[in-house]
N, C-alpha and C. Protein backbone atom coordinates (compact mmCIF):
# COMPACT_ATOMS: atom_id res chain seq x y z
N MET A 1 -23.58 46.05 34.25
CA MET A 1 -22.52 45.47 35.21
C MET A 1 -22.56 43.84 35.27
N ARG A 2 -23.88 43.34 35.13
CA ARG A 2 -23.65 41.81 34.76
C ARG A 2 -22.70 41.59 33.94
N ALA A 3 -23.10 42.14 32.73
CA ALA A 3 -21.93 41.94 31.70
C ALA A 3 -20.40 42.15 31.95
N LEU A 4 -20.29 43.11 32.98
CA LEU A 4 -18.91 43.27 32.95
C LEU A 4 -18.40 42.37 34.17
N ALA A 5 -19.31 41.21 34.90
CA ALA A 5 -18.93 40.58 35.76
C ALA A 5 -18.17 39.21 35.03
N HIS A 6 -18.42 39.06 33.54
CA HIS A 6 -18.23 37.73 33.18
C HIS A 6 -16.42 38.02 33.18
N PRO A 7 -16.17 36.53 33.92
CA PRO A 7 -14.48 36.41 34.12
C PRO A 7 -13.62 36.75 32.66
N ALA A 8 -13.90 36.35 31.50
CA ALA A 8 -13.24 36.43 30.46
C ALA A 8 -13.11 38.16 29.95
N ARG A 9 -14.30 39.02 30.62
CA ARG A 9 -14.37 40.11 30.24
C ARG A 9 -13.22 40.92 31.37
N LEU A 10 -13.27 40.57 32.54
CA LEU A 10 -12.25 41.19 33.49
C LEU A 10 -10.97 40.65 33.25
N MET A 11 -10.38 39.63 32.66
CA MET A 11 -9.38 39.15 31.89
C MET A 11 -8.77 40.26 31.14
N ILE A 12 -9.73 40.51 29.99
CA ILE A 12 -9.44 41.43 29.17
C ILE A 12 -8.96 42.74 29.77
N LEU A 13 -10.12 43.26 30.46
CA LEU A 13 -9.73 44.53 31.16
C LEU A 13 -8.39 44.76 31.68
N SER A 14 -7.90 43.95 32.27
CA SER A 14 -6.87 43.43 32.91
C SER A 14 -5.62 43.53 32.28
N ARG A 15 -5.76 42.56 31.03
CA ARG A 15 -4.62 42.94 30.40
C ARG A 15 -4.38 44.19 29.54
N LEU A 16 -5.54 44.49 29.27
CA LEU A 16 -5.52 45.99 28.64
C LEU A 16 -5.01 47.04 29.38
N GLY A 17 -5.29 47.11 30.70
CA GLY A 17 -5.09 47.75 31.74
C GLY A 17 -3.35 47.80 31.83
N VAL A 18 -2.86 46.73 31.80
CA VAL A 18 -1.24 46.36 32.25
C VAL A 18 -0.78 46.58 31.20
N GLU A 19 -0.77 45.94 30.04
CA GLU A 19 0.24 45.82 29.15
C GLU A 19 -0.12 46.85 27.71
N GLY A 20 -1.44 47.48 27.96
CA GLY A 20 -1.73 48.17 26.77
C GLY A 20 -2.56 48.06 25.78
N SER A 21 -2.72 48.32 24.19
CA SER A 21 -3.02 48.17 23.66
C SER A 21 -2.97 46.80 23.00
N ALA A 22 -4.16 45.89 22.42
CA ALA A 22 -3.95 44.45 22.03
C ALA A 22 -5.33 44.52 20.83
N THR A 23 -4.89 43.41 19.97
CA THR A 23 -6.03 43.04 19.02
C THR A 23 -6.81 41.75 19.80
N ALA A 24 -8.04 41.64 19.47
CA ALA A 24 -8.80 39.91 20.02
C ALA A 24 -7.93 39.47 20.29
N THR A 25 -7.23 38.84 19.03
CA THR A 25 -6.12 37.64 19.11
C THR A 25 -5.66 37.50 20.23
N GLU A 26 -4.68 38.42 20.46
CA GLU A 26 -4.11 38.87 21.92
C GLU A 26 -4.82 38.76 22.89
N VAL A 27 -6.25 39.20 23.21
CA VAL A 27 -6.29 38.98 24.60
C VAL A 27 -7.22 37.96 24.79
N ALA A 28 -7.51 37.23 23.74
CA ALA A 28 -8.05 36.05 23.90
C ALA A 28 -7.32 34.65 24.28
N GLU A 29 -5.76 34.98 24.07
CA GLU A 29 -5.18 33.78 24.74
C GLU A 29 -5.09 34.10 26.19
N ILE A 30 -4.89 35.52 26.61
CA ILE A 30 -5.02 35.18 28.26
C ILE A 30 -6.40 35.02 28.84
N ALA A 31 -7.16 35.11 28.05
CA ALA A 31 -8.92 35.02 28.63
C ALA A 31 -8.98 33.43 28.02
N GLY A 32 -8.52 32.79 27.49
CA GLY A 32 -8.82 31.55 27.00
C GLY A 32 -9.97 31.09 26.48
N ILE A 33 -10.41 31.99 25.32
CA ILE A 33 -11.42 32.22 24.64
C ILE A 33 -10.51 32.31 23.34
N THR A 34 -12.17 32.03 22.17
CA THR A 34 -11.53 32.35 20.56
C THR A 34 -11.45 33.67 20.56
N PRO A 35 -10.57 34.06 19.28
CA PRO A 35 -10.78 35.46 19.04
C PRO A 35 -11.97 36.17 18.63
N SER A 36 -13.17 35.13 18.18
CA SER A 36 -13.99 35.42 17.91
C SER A 36 -14.88 36.16 18.99
N ALA A 37 -14.81 35.19 20.15
CA ALA A 37 -15.47 35.62 21.45
C ALA A 37 -14.70 36.69 21.79
N ALA A 38 -13.30 37.10 21.63
CA ALA A 38 -12.76 37.88 22.56
C ALA A 38 -13.06 39.11 21.79
N SER A 39 -13.52 39.58 20.45
CA SER A 39 -13.94 40.26 19.79
C SER A 39 -15.17 40.99 20.24
N TYR A 40 -16.35 39.71 20.24
CA TYR A 40 -17.43 39.84 20.97
C TYR A 40 -17.53 40.85 22.55
N HIS A 41 -16.87 40.30 23.11
CA HIS A 41 -16.76 40.71 24.28
C HIS A 41 -15.59 42.01 24.44
N LEU A 42 -14.92 42.23 23.66
CA LEU A 42 -14.24 43.71 23.17
C LEU A 42 -15.33 44.51 22.67
N ARG A 43 -16.64 44.52 22.02
CA ARG A 43 -17.29 45.03 21.34
C ARG A 43 -18.49 45.44 22.42
N MET A 44 -18.76 44.46 23.55
CA MET A 44 -19.61 44.64 24.74
C MET A 44 -19.00 45.69 25.53
N LEU A 45 -17.78 45.32 26.08
CA LEU A 45 -17.16 46.44 26.72
C LEU A 45 -17.38 47.88 26.24
N ALA A 46 -16.91 48.21 24.89
CA ALA A 46 -16.96 49.24 24.20
C ALA A 46 -18.33 49.92 24.31
N LYS A 47 -19.40 49.21 23.96
CA LYS A 47 -20.57 49.32 24.50
C LYS A 47 -20.97 50.16 25.39
N TYR A 48 -20.29 49.62 26.68
CA TYR A 48 -20.52 50.07 27.56
C TYR A 48 -19.61 51.20 28.26
N GLY A 49 -18.41 51.86 27.49
CA GLY A 49 -17.38 52.48 27.66
C GLY A 49 -16.12 52.42 27.93
N PHE A 50 -16.28 50.74 28.38
CA PHE A 50 -14.64 50.26 29.10
C PHE A 50 -13.52 50.40 28.53
N VAL A 51 -13.72 50.14 27.27
CA VAL A 51 -12.57 50.03 25.85
C VAL A 51 -13.11 50.90 24.98
N GLU A 52 -12.07 51.26 24.19
CA GLU A 52 -11.96 51.63 22.68
C GLU A 52 -11.46 51.70 21.62
N ASP A 53 -11.20 52.27 20.80
CA ASP A 53 -10.04 51.85 19.62
C ASP A 53 -8.83 52.44 20.11
N ALA A 54 -7.88 51.93 19.58
CA ALA A 54 -6.79 52.50 19.89
C ALA A 54 -5.69 52.85 18.66
N PRO A 55 -5.05 53.68 18.45
CA PRO A 55 -4.22 53.90 17.77
C PRO A 55 -3.34 52.64 16.83
N PRO A 56 -3.79 52.68 15.55
CA PRO A 56 -2.97 51.40 14.79
C PRO A 56 -1.62 51.46 14.91
N ARG A 57 -1.40 50.18 14.43
CA ARG A 57 0.35 49.92 14.47
C ARG A 57 0.79 49.30 13.43
N GLY A 58 1.85 49.33 12.62
CA GLY A 58 2.13 48.84 11.73
C GLY A 58 1.34 49.17 10.48
N ASP A 59 0.89 48.22 9.68
CA ASP A 59 0.42 48.60 8.43
C ASP A 59 -1.02 48.68 8.89
N GLY A 60 -1.97 49.26 10.15
CA GLY A 60 -3.09 49.29 10.57
C GLY A 60 -4.11 48.66 9.84
N ARG A 61 -3.89 47.45 9.68
CA ARG A 61 -4.83 46.53 9.34
C ARG A 61 -5.57 45.65 10.60
N GLU A 62 -4.84 45.61 11.63
CA GLU A 62 -5.58 44.57 12.80
C GLU A 62 -6.17 45.89 13.78
N ARG A 63 -7.06 45.50 14.15
CA ARG A 63 -8.12 46.75 14.87
C ARG A 63 -7.83 46.43 16.32
N LEU A 64 -7.00 47.43 16.98
CA LEU A 64 -6.63 47.53 17.91
C LEU A 64 -7.23 48.04 19.48
N TRP A 65 -7.68 47.62 20.44
CA TRP A 65 -8.36 48.06 21.70
C TRP A 65 -7.54 48.40 22.62
N LYS A 66 -7.83 49.40 23.46
CA LYS A 66 -6.93 49.81 24.78
C LYS A 66 -8.70 50.28 25.85
N THR A 67 -7.77 50.52 26.88
CA THR A 67 -9.08 50.85 27.95
C THR A 67 -9.27 52.71 28.00
N ALA A 68 -10.59 52.58 28.14
CA ALA A 68 -11.06 53.93 27.98
C ALA A 68 -10.81 54.81 29.18
N ASN A 69 -9.92 54.33 29.77
CA ASN A 69 -9.07 54.77 31.11
C ASN A 69 -10.06 55.02 31.99
N ALA A 70 -11.04 54.35 32.64
CA ALA A 70 -12.27 54.25 33.56
C ALA A 70 -11.74 53.78 34.66
N GLN A 71 -11.22 54.39 35.93
CA GLN A 71 -11.19 52.97 36.91
C GLN A 71 -12.60 52.46 37.42
N LEU A 72 -12.75 51.16 37.38
CA LEU A 72 -13.55 50.16 38.08
C LEU A 72 -13.79 50.38 39.65
N SER A 73 -14.76 51.07 39.75
CA SER A 73 -15.43 51.25 41.12
C SER A 73 -16.59 50.58 41.11
N VAL A 74 -17.12 50.14 42.11
CA VAL A 74 -18.67 49.88 42.11
C VAL A 74 -19.35 50.12 43.74
N ALA A 75 -20.19 50.59 43.85
CA ALA A 75 -20.64 50.89 45.28
C ALA A 75 -22.38 50.48 45.18
N SER A 76 -22.98 49.97 46.03
CA SER A 76 -24.21 49.77 46.39
C SER A 76 -24.72 51.08 46.91
N LEU A 77 -25.72 51.74 46.31
CA LEU A 77 -26.02 52.85 46.93
C LEU A 77 -27.53 52.30 47.58
N PRO A 78 -28.10 53.13 48.30
CA PRO A 78 -29.19 53.36 49.44
C PRO A 78 -30.43 52.86 48.28
N GLY A 79 -30.43 54.01 47.05
CA GLY A 79 -31.52 54.06 46.25
C GLY A 79 -31.60 53.26 45.10
N ASP A 80 -30.62 52.16 45.00
CA ASP A 80 -30.57 51.24 43.82
C ASP A 80 -31.85 50.73 43.75
N GLN A 81 -32.33 50.24 42.77
CA GLN A 81 -33.28 49.15 42.51
C GLN A 81 -32.99 47.87 42.87
N PRO A 82 -34.00 46.82 43.04
CA PRO A 82 -33.14 45.50 43.26
C PRO A 82 -32.59 44.92 42.27
N ASP A 83 -33.05 45.20 41.11
CA ASP A 83 -32.45 44.61 39.96
C ASP A 83 -31.03 45.24 39.64
N VAL A 84 -31.18 46.51 40.07
CA VAL A 84 -29.77 46.97 39.96
C VAL A 84 -28.35 46.68 40.97
N ARG A 85 -29.26 46.83 42.22
CA ARG A 85 -28.51 46.02 43.51
C ARG A 85 -27.67 44.93 43.32
N ASP A 86 -28.67 43.98 42.47
CA ASP A 86 -28.46 42.52 42.57
C ASP A 86 -27.02 42.43 41.22
N ALA A 87 -27.12 43.43 40.37
CA ALA A 87 -26.20 43.35 39.11
C ALA A 87 -25.05 43.95 39.77
N LYS A 88 -24.85 45.30 40.70
CA LYS A 88 -23.86 45.25 41.17
C LYS A 88 -23.33 44.39 42.15
N VAL A 89 -23.78 43.54 42.97
CA VAL A 89 -23.41 42.68 44.02
C VAL A 89 -22.67 41.36 43.12
N SER A 90 -23.20 41.34 42.01
CA SER A 90 -22.48 40.27 40.63
C SER A 90 -21.56 40.73 40.43
N LEU A 91 -21.40 41.65 40.24
CA LEU A 91 -20.09 42.36 39.87
C LEU A 91 -19.02 42.52 40.81
N MET A 92 -19.53 42.78 42.25
CA MET A 92 -18.22 42.90 43.50
C MET A 92 -17.86 41.54 43.49
N LEU A 93 -18.72 40.82 43.57
CA LEU A 93 -18.24 38.93 43.75
C LEU A 93 -17.56 38.83 42.62
N ALA A 94 -17.34 39.13 41.56
CA ALA A 94 -16.80 38.83 40.41
C ALA A 94 -15.22 39.31 40.56
N LEU A 95 -15.47 40.66 40.66
CA LEU A 95 -14.25 41.41 40.92
C LEU A 95 -13.31 40.47 42.35
N ARG A 96 -13.91 40.31 43.44
CA ARG A 96 -13.43 39.66 44.52
C ARG A 96 -12.73 38.10 44.20
N ARG A 97 -13.66 37.60 43.30
CA ARG A 97 -13.08 36.24 42.72
C ARG A 97 -11.71 36.51 41.96
N ASP A 98 -11.85 37.44 40.94
CA ASP A 98 -10.84 37.33 40.10
C ASP A 98 -9.62 37.87 41.23
N ALA A 99 -9.71 38.84 41.96
CA ALA A 99 -8.86 39.43 42.95
C ALA A 99 -8.28 38.00 43.69
N ASN A 100 -9.29 37.62 44.34
CA ASN A 100 -8.55 36.29 45.19
C ASN A 100 -7.75 35.47 44.02
N GLU A 101 -8.42 34.82 43.23
CA GLU A 101 -7.62 34.31 42.00
C GLU A 101 -6.36 34.78 41.64
N GLU A 102 -6.12 36.18 41.85
CA GLU A 102 -4.69 36.74 41.63
C GLU A 102 -3.78 36.62 42.80
N ALA A 103 -4.19 36.82 44.12
CA ALA A 103 -3.75 36.27 44.96
C ALA A 103 -3.15 34.92 45.20
N ASP A 104 -3.67 34.34 45.05
CA ASP A 104 -3.73 32.76 44.80
C ASP A 104 -2.70 32.36 43.96
N ARG A 105 -2.57 32.95 42.85
CA ARG A 105 -2.02 32.43 41.81
C ARG A 105 -0.14 33.46 42.49
N ALA A 106 -0.02 34.30 42.89
CA ALA A 106 1.08 34.85 43.51
C ALA A 106 1.61 34.30 44.90
N LEU A 107 0.72 33.94 45.45
CA LEU A 107 0.98 32.96 46.33
C LEU A 107 1.79 31.65 46.39
N ALA A 108 1.06 30.78 45.15
CA ALA A 108 1.47 29.82 45.29
C ALA A 108 2.96 29.74 44.07
N GLN A 109 3.20 31.13 43.85
CA GLN A 109 4.76 31.01 43.35
C GLN A 109 5.93 32.19 43.91
N VAL A 110 5.13 32.23 45.20
CA VAL A 110 6.12 33.14 46.00
C VAL A 110 7.75 32.87 46.11
N GLU A 111 7.48 31.17 46.15
CA GLU A 111 8.73 30.61 46.72
C GLU A 111 9.84 30.79 45.47
N ARG A 112 9.37 30.84 44.16
CA ARG A 112 9.96 30.97 42.92
C ARG A 112 10.61 31.96 43.00
N ASP A 113 9.90 33.27 43.38
CA ASP A 113 10.46 34.77 43.47
C ASP A 113 11.88 34.84 44.11
N SER A 114 12.58 35.97 43.55
CA SER A 114 13.95 36.51 44.32
C SER A 114 13.59 36.64 45.72
N ALA A 115 14.56 36.58 46.50
CA ALA A 115 14.56 37.18 48.01
C ALA A 115 14.13 38.81 48.06
N GLU A 116 14.44 39.60 47.03
CA GLU A 116 14.44 40.90 46.84
C GLU A 116 12.55 40.90 47.03
N TRP A 117 12.00 40.25 46.18
CA TRP A 117 10.73 40.01 45.77
C TRP A 117 10.03 39.64 46.74
N ARG A 118 10.21 38.30 47.52
CA ARG A 118 9.74 37.77 48.65
C ARG A 118 9.50 38.71 49.76
N ASP A 119 10.50 39.47 49.91
CA ASP A 119 10.63 40.36 51.07
C ASP A 119 9.80 41.40 51.22
N VAL A 120 9.13 41.77 50.00
CA VAL A 120 8.05 43.19 49.86
C VAL A 120 6.56 42.56 49.88
N THR A 121 6.74 41.03 49.31
CA THR A 121 5.26 40.80 49.67
C THR A 121 4.78 40.48 50.45
N ARG A 122 3.60 41.18 50.63
CA ARG A 122 2.97 41.31 52.03
C ARG A 122 1.31 40.63 51.86
N PHE A 123 0.65 39.90 52.19
CA PHE A 123 -0.77 39.43 52.69
C PHE A 123 -0.92 39.98 53.45
N SER A 124 -2.02 40.69 53.94
CA SER A 124 -2.41 41.34 55.67
C SER A 124 -3.79 41.79 55.74
N ARG A 125 -4.11 41.77 56.63
CA ARG A 125 -5.36 42.06 57.05
C ARG A 125 -5.52 42.83 58.53
N THR A 126 -6.08 43.63 58.62
CA THR A 126 -6.01 44.99 59.61
C THR A 126 -7.09 45.33 59.81
N ARG A 127 -7.78 45.30 60.84
CA ARG A 127 -9.17 45.77 61.68
C ARG A 127 -9.01 47.28 61.86
N ILE A 128 -9.51 48.25 61.51
CA ILE A 128 -9.80 49.37 62.23
C ILE A 128 -10.69 50.18 62.45
N ARG A 129 -10.81 51.70 63.30
CA ARG A 129 -12.01 51.60 64.03
C ARG A 129 -12.32 53.29 63.28
N VAL A 130 -13.25 53.31 62.37
CA VAL A 130 -13.49 54.53 61.63
C VAL A 130 -14.87 54.74 61.81
N ASP A 131 -15.14 56.10 61.44
CA ASP A 131 -16.40 56.25 60.98
C ASP A 131 -16.27 56.64 59.93
N ALA A 132 -17.70 56.73 58.81
CA ALA A 132 -17.89 56.77 57.36
C ALA A 132 -16.99 57.84 56.70
N GLU A 133 -16.90 58.87 57.82
CA GLU A 133 -16.17 59.80 56.74
C GLU A 133 -14.86 59.79 57.14
N GLU A 134 -14.34 59.10 58.08
CA GLU A 134 -12.89 58.82 58.17
C GLU A 134 -12.42 57.74 57.16
N MET A 135 -13.33 56.58 56.80
CA MET A 135 -13.20 55.81 56.05
C MET A 135 -12.99 56.34 54.30
N ALA A 136 -13.91 57.05 54.31
CA ALA A 136 -14.26 57.74 52.80
C ALA A 136 -12.75 58.68 52.71
N ARG A 137 -11.88 59.38 53.68
CA ARG A 137 -10.86 59.97 53.51
C ARG A 137 -9.25 58.86 53.22
N LEU A 138 -9.47 57.95 54.25
CA LEU A 138 -9.12 56.78 54.08
C LEU A 138 -8.82 56.44 52.92
N ASN A 139 -9.66 55.89 52.10
CA ASN A 139 -9.95 55.48 50.67
C ASN A 139 -9.30 56.49 49.53
N GLU A 140 -9.47 58.02 49.68
CA GLU A 140 -8.80 58.68 49.02
C GLU A 140 -7.48 58.92 49.12
N SER A 141 -6.89 58.74 50.22
CA SER A 141 -5.40 58.75 50.72
C SER A 141 -4.77 57.98 50.20
N ILE A 142 -5.40 56.69 50.21
CA ILE A 142 -4.83 55.41 49.22
C ILE A 142 -4.83 55.36 48.19
N GLU A 143 -5.76 55.97 47.47
CA GLU A 143 -5.84 55.91 46.03
C GLU A 143 -4.77 57.15 45.58
N LYS A 144 -4.81 57.96 46.21
CA LYS A 144 -3.82 59.19 45.94
C LYS A 144 -1.92 58.46 45.82
N LEU A 145 -1.59 57.73 47.40
CA LEU A 145 -0.78 57.10 47.25
C LEU A 145 -0.25 56.43 46.15
N ILE A 146 -1.37 55.68 45.74
CA ILE A 146 -0.74 54.56 44.61
C ILE A 146 -0.95 55.17 42.91
N GLU A 147 -1.55 56.19 42.96
CA GLU A 147 -1.71 57.04 41.78
C GLU A 147 -0.40 56.85 40.66
N PRO A 148 0.49 57.51 41.43
CA PRO A 148 2.22 57.61 40.81
C PRO A 148 2.42 56.13 39.94
N TYR A 149 2.01 54.92 40.55
CA TYR A 149 2.50 53.92 40.15
C TYR A 149 1.41 53.34 39.30
N LEU A 150 0.56 53.34 39.03
CA LEU A 150 -0.55 52.55 38.22
C LEU A 150 -0.07 51.94 36.81
N ALA A 151 -0.08 51.07 36.63
CA ALA A 151 0.50 50.21 35.34
C ALA A 151 0.17 51.03 34.04
N ARG A 152 -1.38 51.34 34.26
CA ARG A 152 -2.17 52.02 32.90
C ARG A 152 -1.55 53.57 33.08
N HIS A 153 -0.93 54.04 33.66
CA HIS A 153 -0.47 55.43 33.40
C HIS A 153 1.19 55.50 33.47
N ARG A 154 1.90 54.43 33.88
CA ARG A 154 3.34 54.71 34.34
C ARG A 154 4.07 53.52 33.01
N ASP A 155 4.56 54.20 32.20
CA ASP A 155 5.08 53.43 30.91
C ASP A 155 6.09 52.60 31.48
N VAL A 156 6.56 51.30 30.99
CA VAL A 156 7.32 51.22 31.35
C VAL A 156 9.03 51.65 31.42
N LYS A 157 9.27 52.48 30.09
CA LYS A 157 10.20 53.29 30.30
C LYS A 157 10.88 54.26 31.15
N ASP A 158 9.44 54.58 32.00
CA ASP A 158 9.65 55.48 32.94
C ASP A 158 9.64 54.70 34.24
N ALA A 159 9.54 53.35 34.56
CA ALA A 159 9.82 52.98 35.63
C ALA A 159 11.07 52.59 35.80
N PRO A 160 11.74 52.26 37.13
CA PRO A 160 13.20 51.80 37.44
C PRO A 160 13.30 50.25 36.88
N SER A 161 14.88 50.54 36.53
CA SER A 161 15.21 48.65 36.00
C SER A 161 14.73 47.79 36.96
N GLY A 162 14.07 46.73 36.22
CA GLY A 162 13.59 45.48 37.35
C GLY A 162 12.24 45.84 38.05
N ALA A 163 11.49 46.78 37.45
CA ALA A 163 10.08 46.90 37.96
C ALA A 163 9.27 46.23 37.28
N ARG A 164 8.28 45.78 38.34
CA ARG A 164 7.47 44.52 37.42
C ARG A 164 5.95 44.75 37.96
N VAL A 165 4.69 44.31 37.23
CA VAL A 165 3.82 44.69 37.39
C VAL A 165 3.25 44.23 38.77
N ALA A 166 2.86 44.50 39.92
CA ALA A 166 2.58 44.37 40.83
C ALA A 166 0.93 44.62 41.25
N GLU A 167 0.22 43.89 41.85
CA GLU A 167 -1.03 44.16 42.66
C GLU A 167 -1.41 45.28 43.89
N VAL A 168 -2.30 45.64 44.17
CA VAL A 168 -2.36 46.29 45.42
C VAL A 168 -4.17 45.99 45.13
N GLN A 169 -4.27 45.34 46.44
CA GLN A 169 -6.00 45.59 46.68
C GLN A 169 -6.19 45.68 48.19
N VAL A 170 -7.03 46.43 48.00
CA VAL A 170 -7.50 47.28 49.06
C VAL A 170 -9.10 47.00 49.61
N ASN A 171 -9.27 46.68 50.33
CA ASN A 171 -10.83 46.19 50.70
C ASN A 171 -10.99 47.06 51.60
N LEU A 172 -11.91 48.30 51.81
CA LEU A 172 -12.89 48.91 52.80
C LEU A 172 -14.23 48.86 53.33
N PHE A 173 -14.33 48.04 54.30
CA PHE A 173 -15.84 47.97 54.42
C PHE A 173 -16.18 47.59 55.85
N PRO A 174 -17.39 47.90 56.19
CA PRO A 174 -17.79 47.67 57.84
C PRO A 174 -18.06 46.27 57.70
N VAL A 175 -17.25 46.08 58.84
CA VAL A 175 -17.40 44.55 59.14
C VAL A 175 -19.00 44.10 59.87
N ALA A 176 -19.33 43.13 59.05
CA ALA A 176 -20.65 42.52 59.20
C ALA A 176 -20.77 41.85 60.73
N LYS A 177 -21.67 41.63 60.96
CA LYS A 177 -21.65 40.60 62.68
C LYS A 177 -21.80 39.27 61.88
N ARG A 178 -20.97 38.35 62.85
CA ARG A 178 -20.71 36.89 61.95
C ARG A 178 -21.92 36.28 63.03
N PRO A 179 -23.07 35.10 62.11
CA PRO A 179 -23.79 34.81 62.99
C PRO A 179 -23.43 34.04 64.06
N VAL A 180 -24.05 33.80 65.07
CA VAL A 180 -23.67 33.20 66.30
C VAL A 180 -23.91 31.71 65.76
N GLN A 181 -23.24 30.58 66.13
CA GLN A 181 -23.26 29.00 65.81
C GLN A 181 -23.79 28.26 66.70
N GLY A 182 -23.48 28.87 67.69
CA GLY A 182 -24.44 27.97 69.18
C GLY A 182 -23.21 26.92 69.26
N LEU A 183 -23.04 26.82 70.71
CA LEU A 183 -22.78 25.57 71.06
C LEU A 183 -22.60 24.17 70.55
N PRO A 184 -21.94 23.32 70.38
CA PRO A 184 -22.13 21.87 70.05
C PRO A 184 -22.76 21.42 71.25
N THR A 185 -23.67 20.30 70.88
CA THR A 185 -23.94 19.39 71.85
C THR A 185 -23.41 18.24 72.49
N GLU A 186 -23.24 18.14 73.86
CA GLU A 186 -22.44 17.09 75.03
C GLU A 186 -22.75 15.95 74.63
N ASP A 187 -23.79 15.68 73.93
CA ASP A 187 -24.36 14.07 73.86
C ASP A 187 -23.28 13.03 72.77
N HIS A 188 -22.24 12.68 73.52
CA HIS A 188 -21.07 12.06 72.98
C HIS A 188 -21.80 10.51 72.53
N ASP A 189 -22.57 9.85 73.74
CA ASP A 189 -23.28 8.81 73.75
C ASP A 189 -24.15 8.30 72.94
N SER A 190 -24.74 9.55 72.40
CA SER A 190 -25.98 8.82 71.38
C SER A 190 -25.96 7.92 70.53
N ALA A 191 -25.00 7.90 69.96
CA ALA A 191 -24.76 6.71 68.79
C ALA A 191 -24.78 5.48 69.24
N ARG A 192 -24.42 4.90 71.13
CA ARG A 192 -24.46 3.89 71.43
C ARG A 192 -25.76 3.31 71.82
């Protein structure tokens, strides 16, 4: 899990998941690393079952990689050993950073998008009141709702004209109590 938390590996997985199979050189460009470093990262991702060899194209001299079609989901479990829990937290933080960066890039360029795309772009945050069972059902419902649109399963030719890759970010978590900051002191004259 710590290995997966590497930003280049998350970018590689994202690239393969959206655009399909690629060589180490092709994913190196998107991750901003050398082709040899990309090759290393791909081998590590393959070692843990996240990517695998893809069918060759052309003369078959290039090694192509594809995602292993596994959805990446991480949960901290009560029985996790401390080192496993720490690795999971590191991965979750890396995933959140990557998601935040993706949202920041979208927000930075939203004004350059057409009115059609600006009208359907949403950044929202909603508080709900649920028990654990309801939250689990909600999560399952959301997954079923977006399933037909997943870029890794929906080929470009099967999507409507003008379709673009979009990102759904869903975070379901119980709200943690905020620490009480206390009131500031009223002693404004202490510097005199």
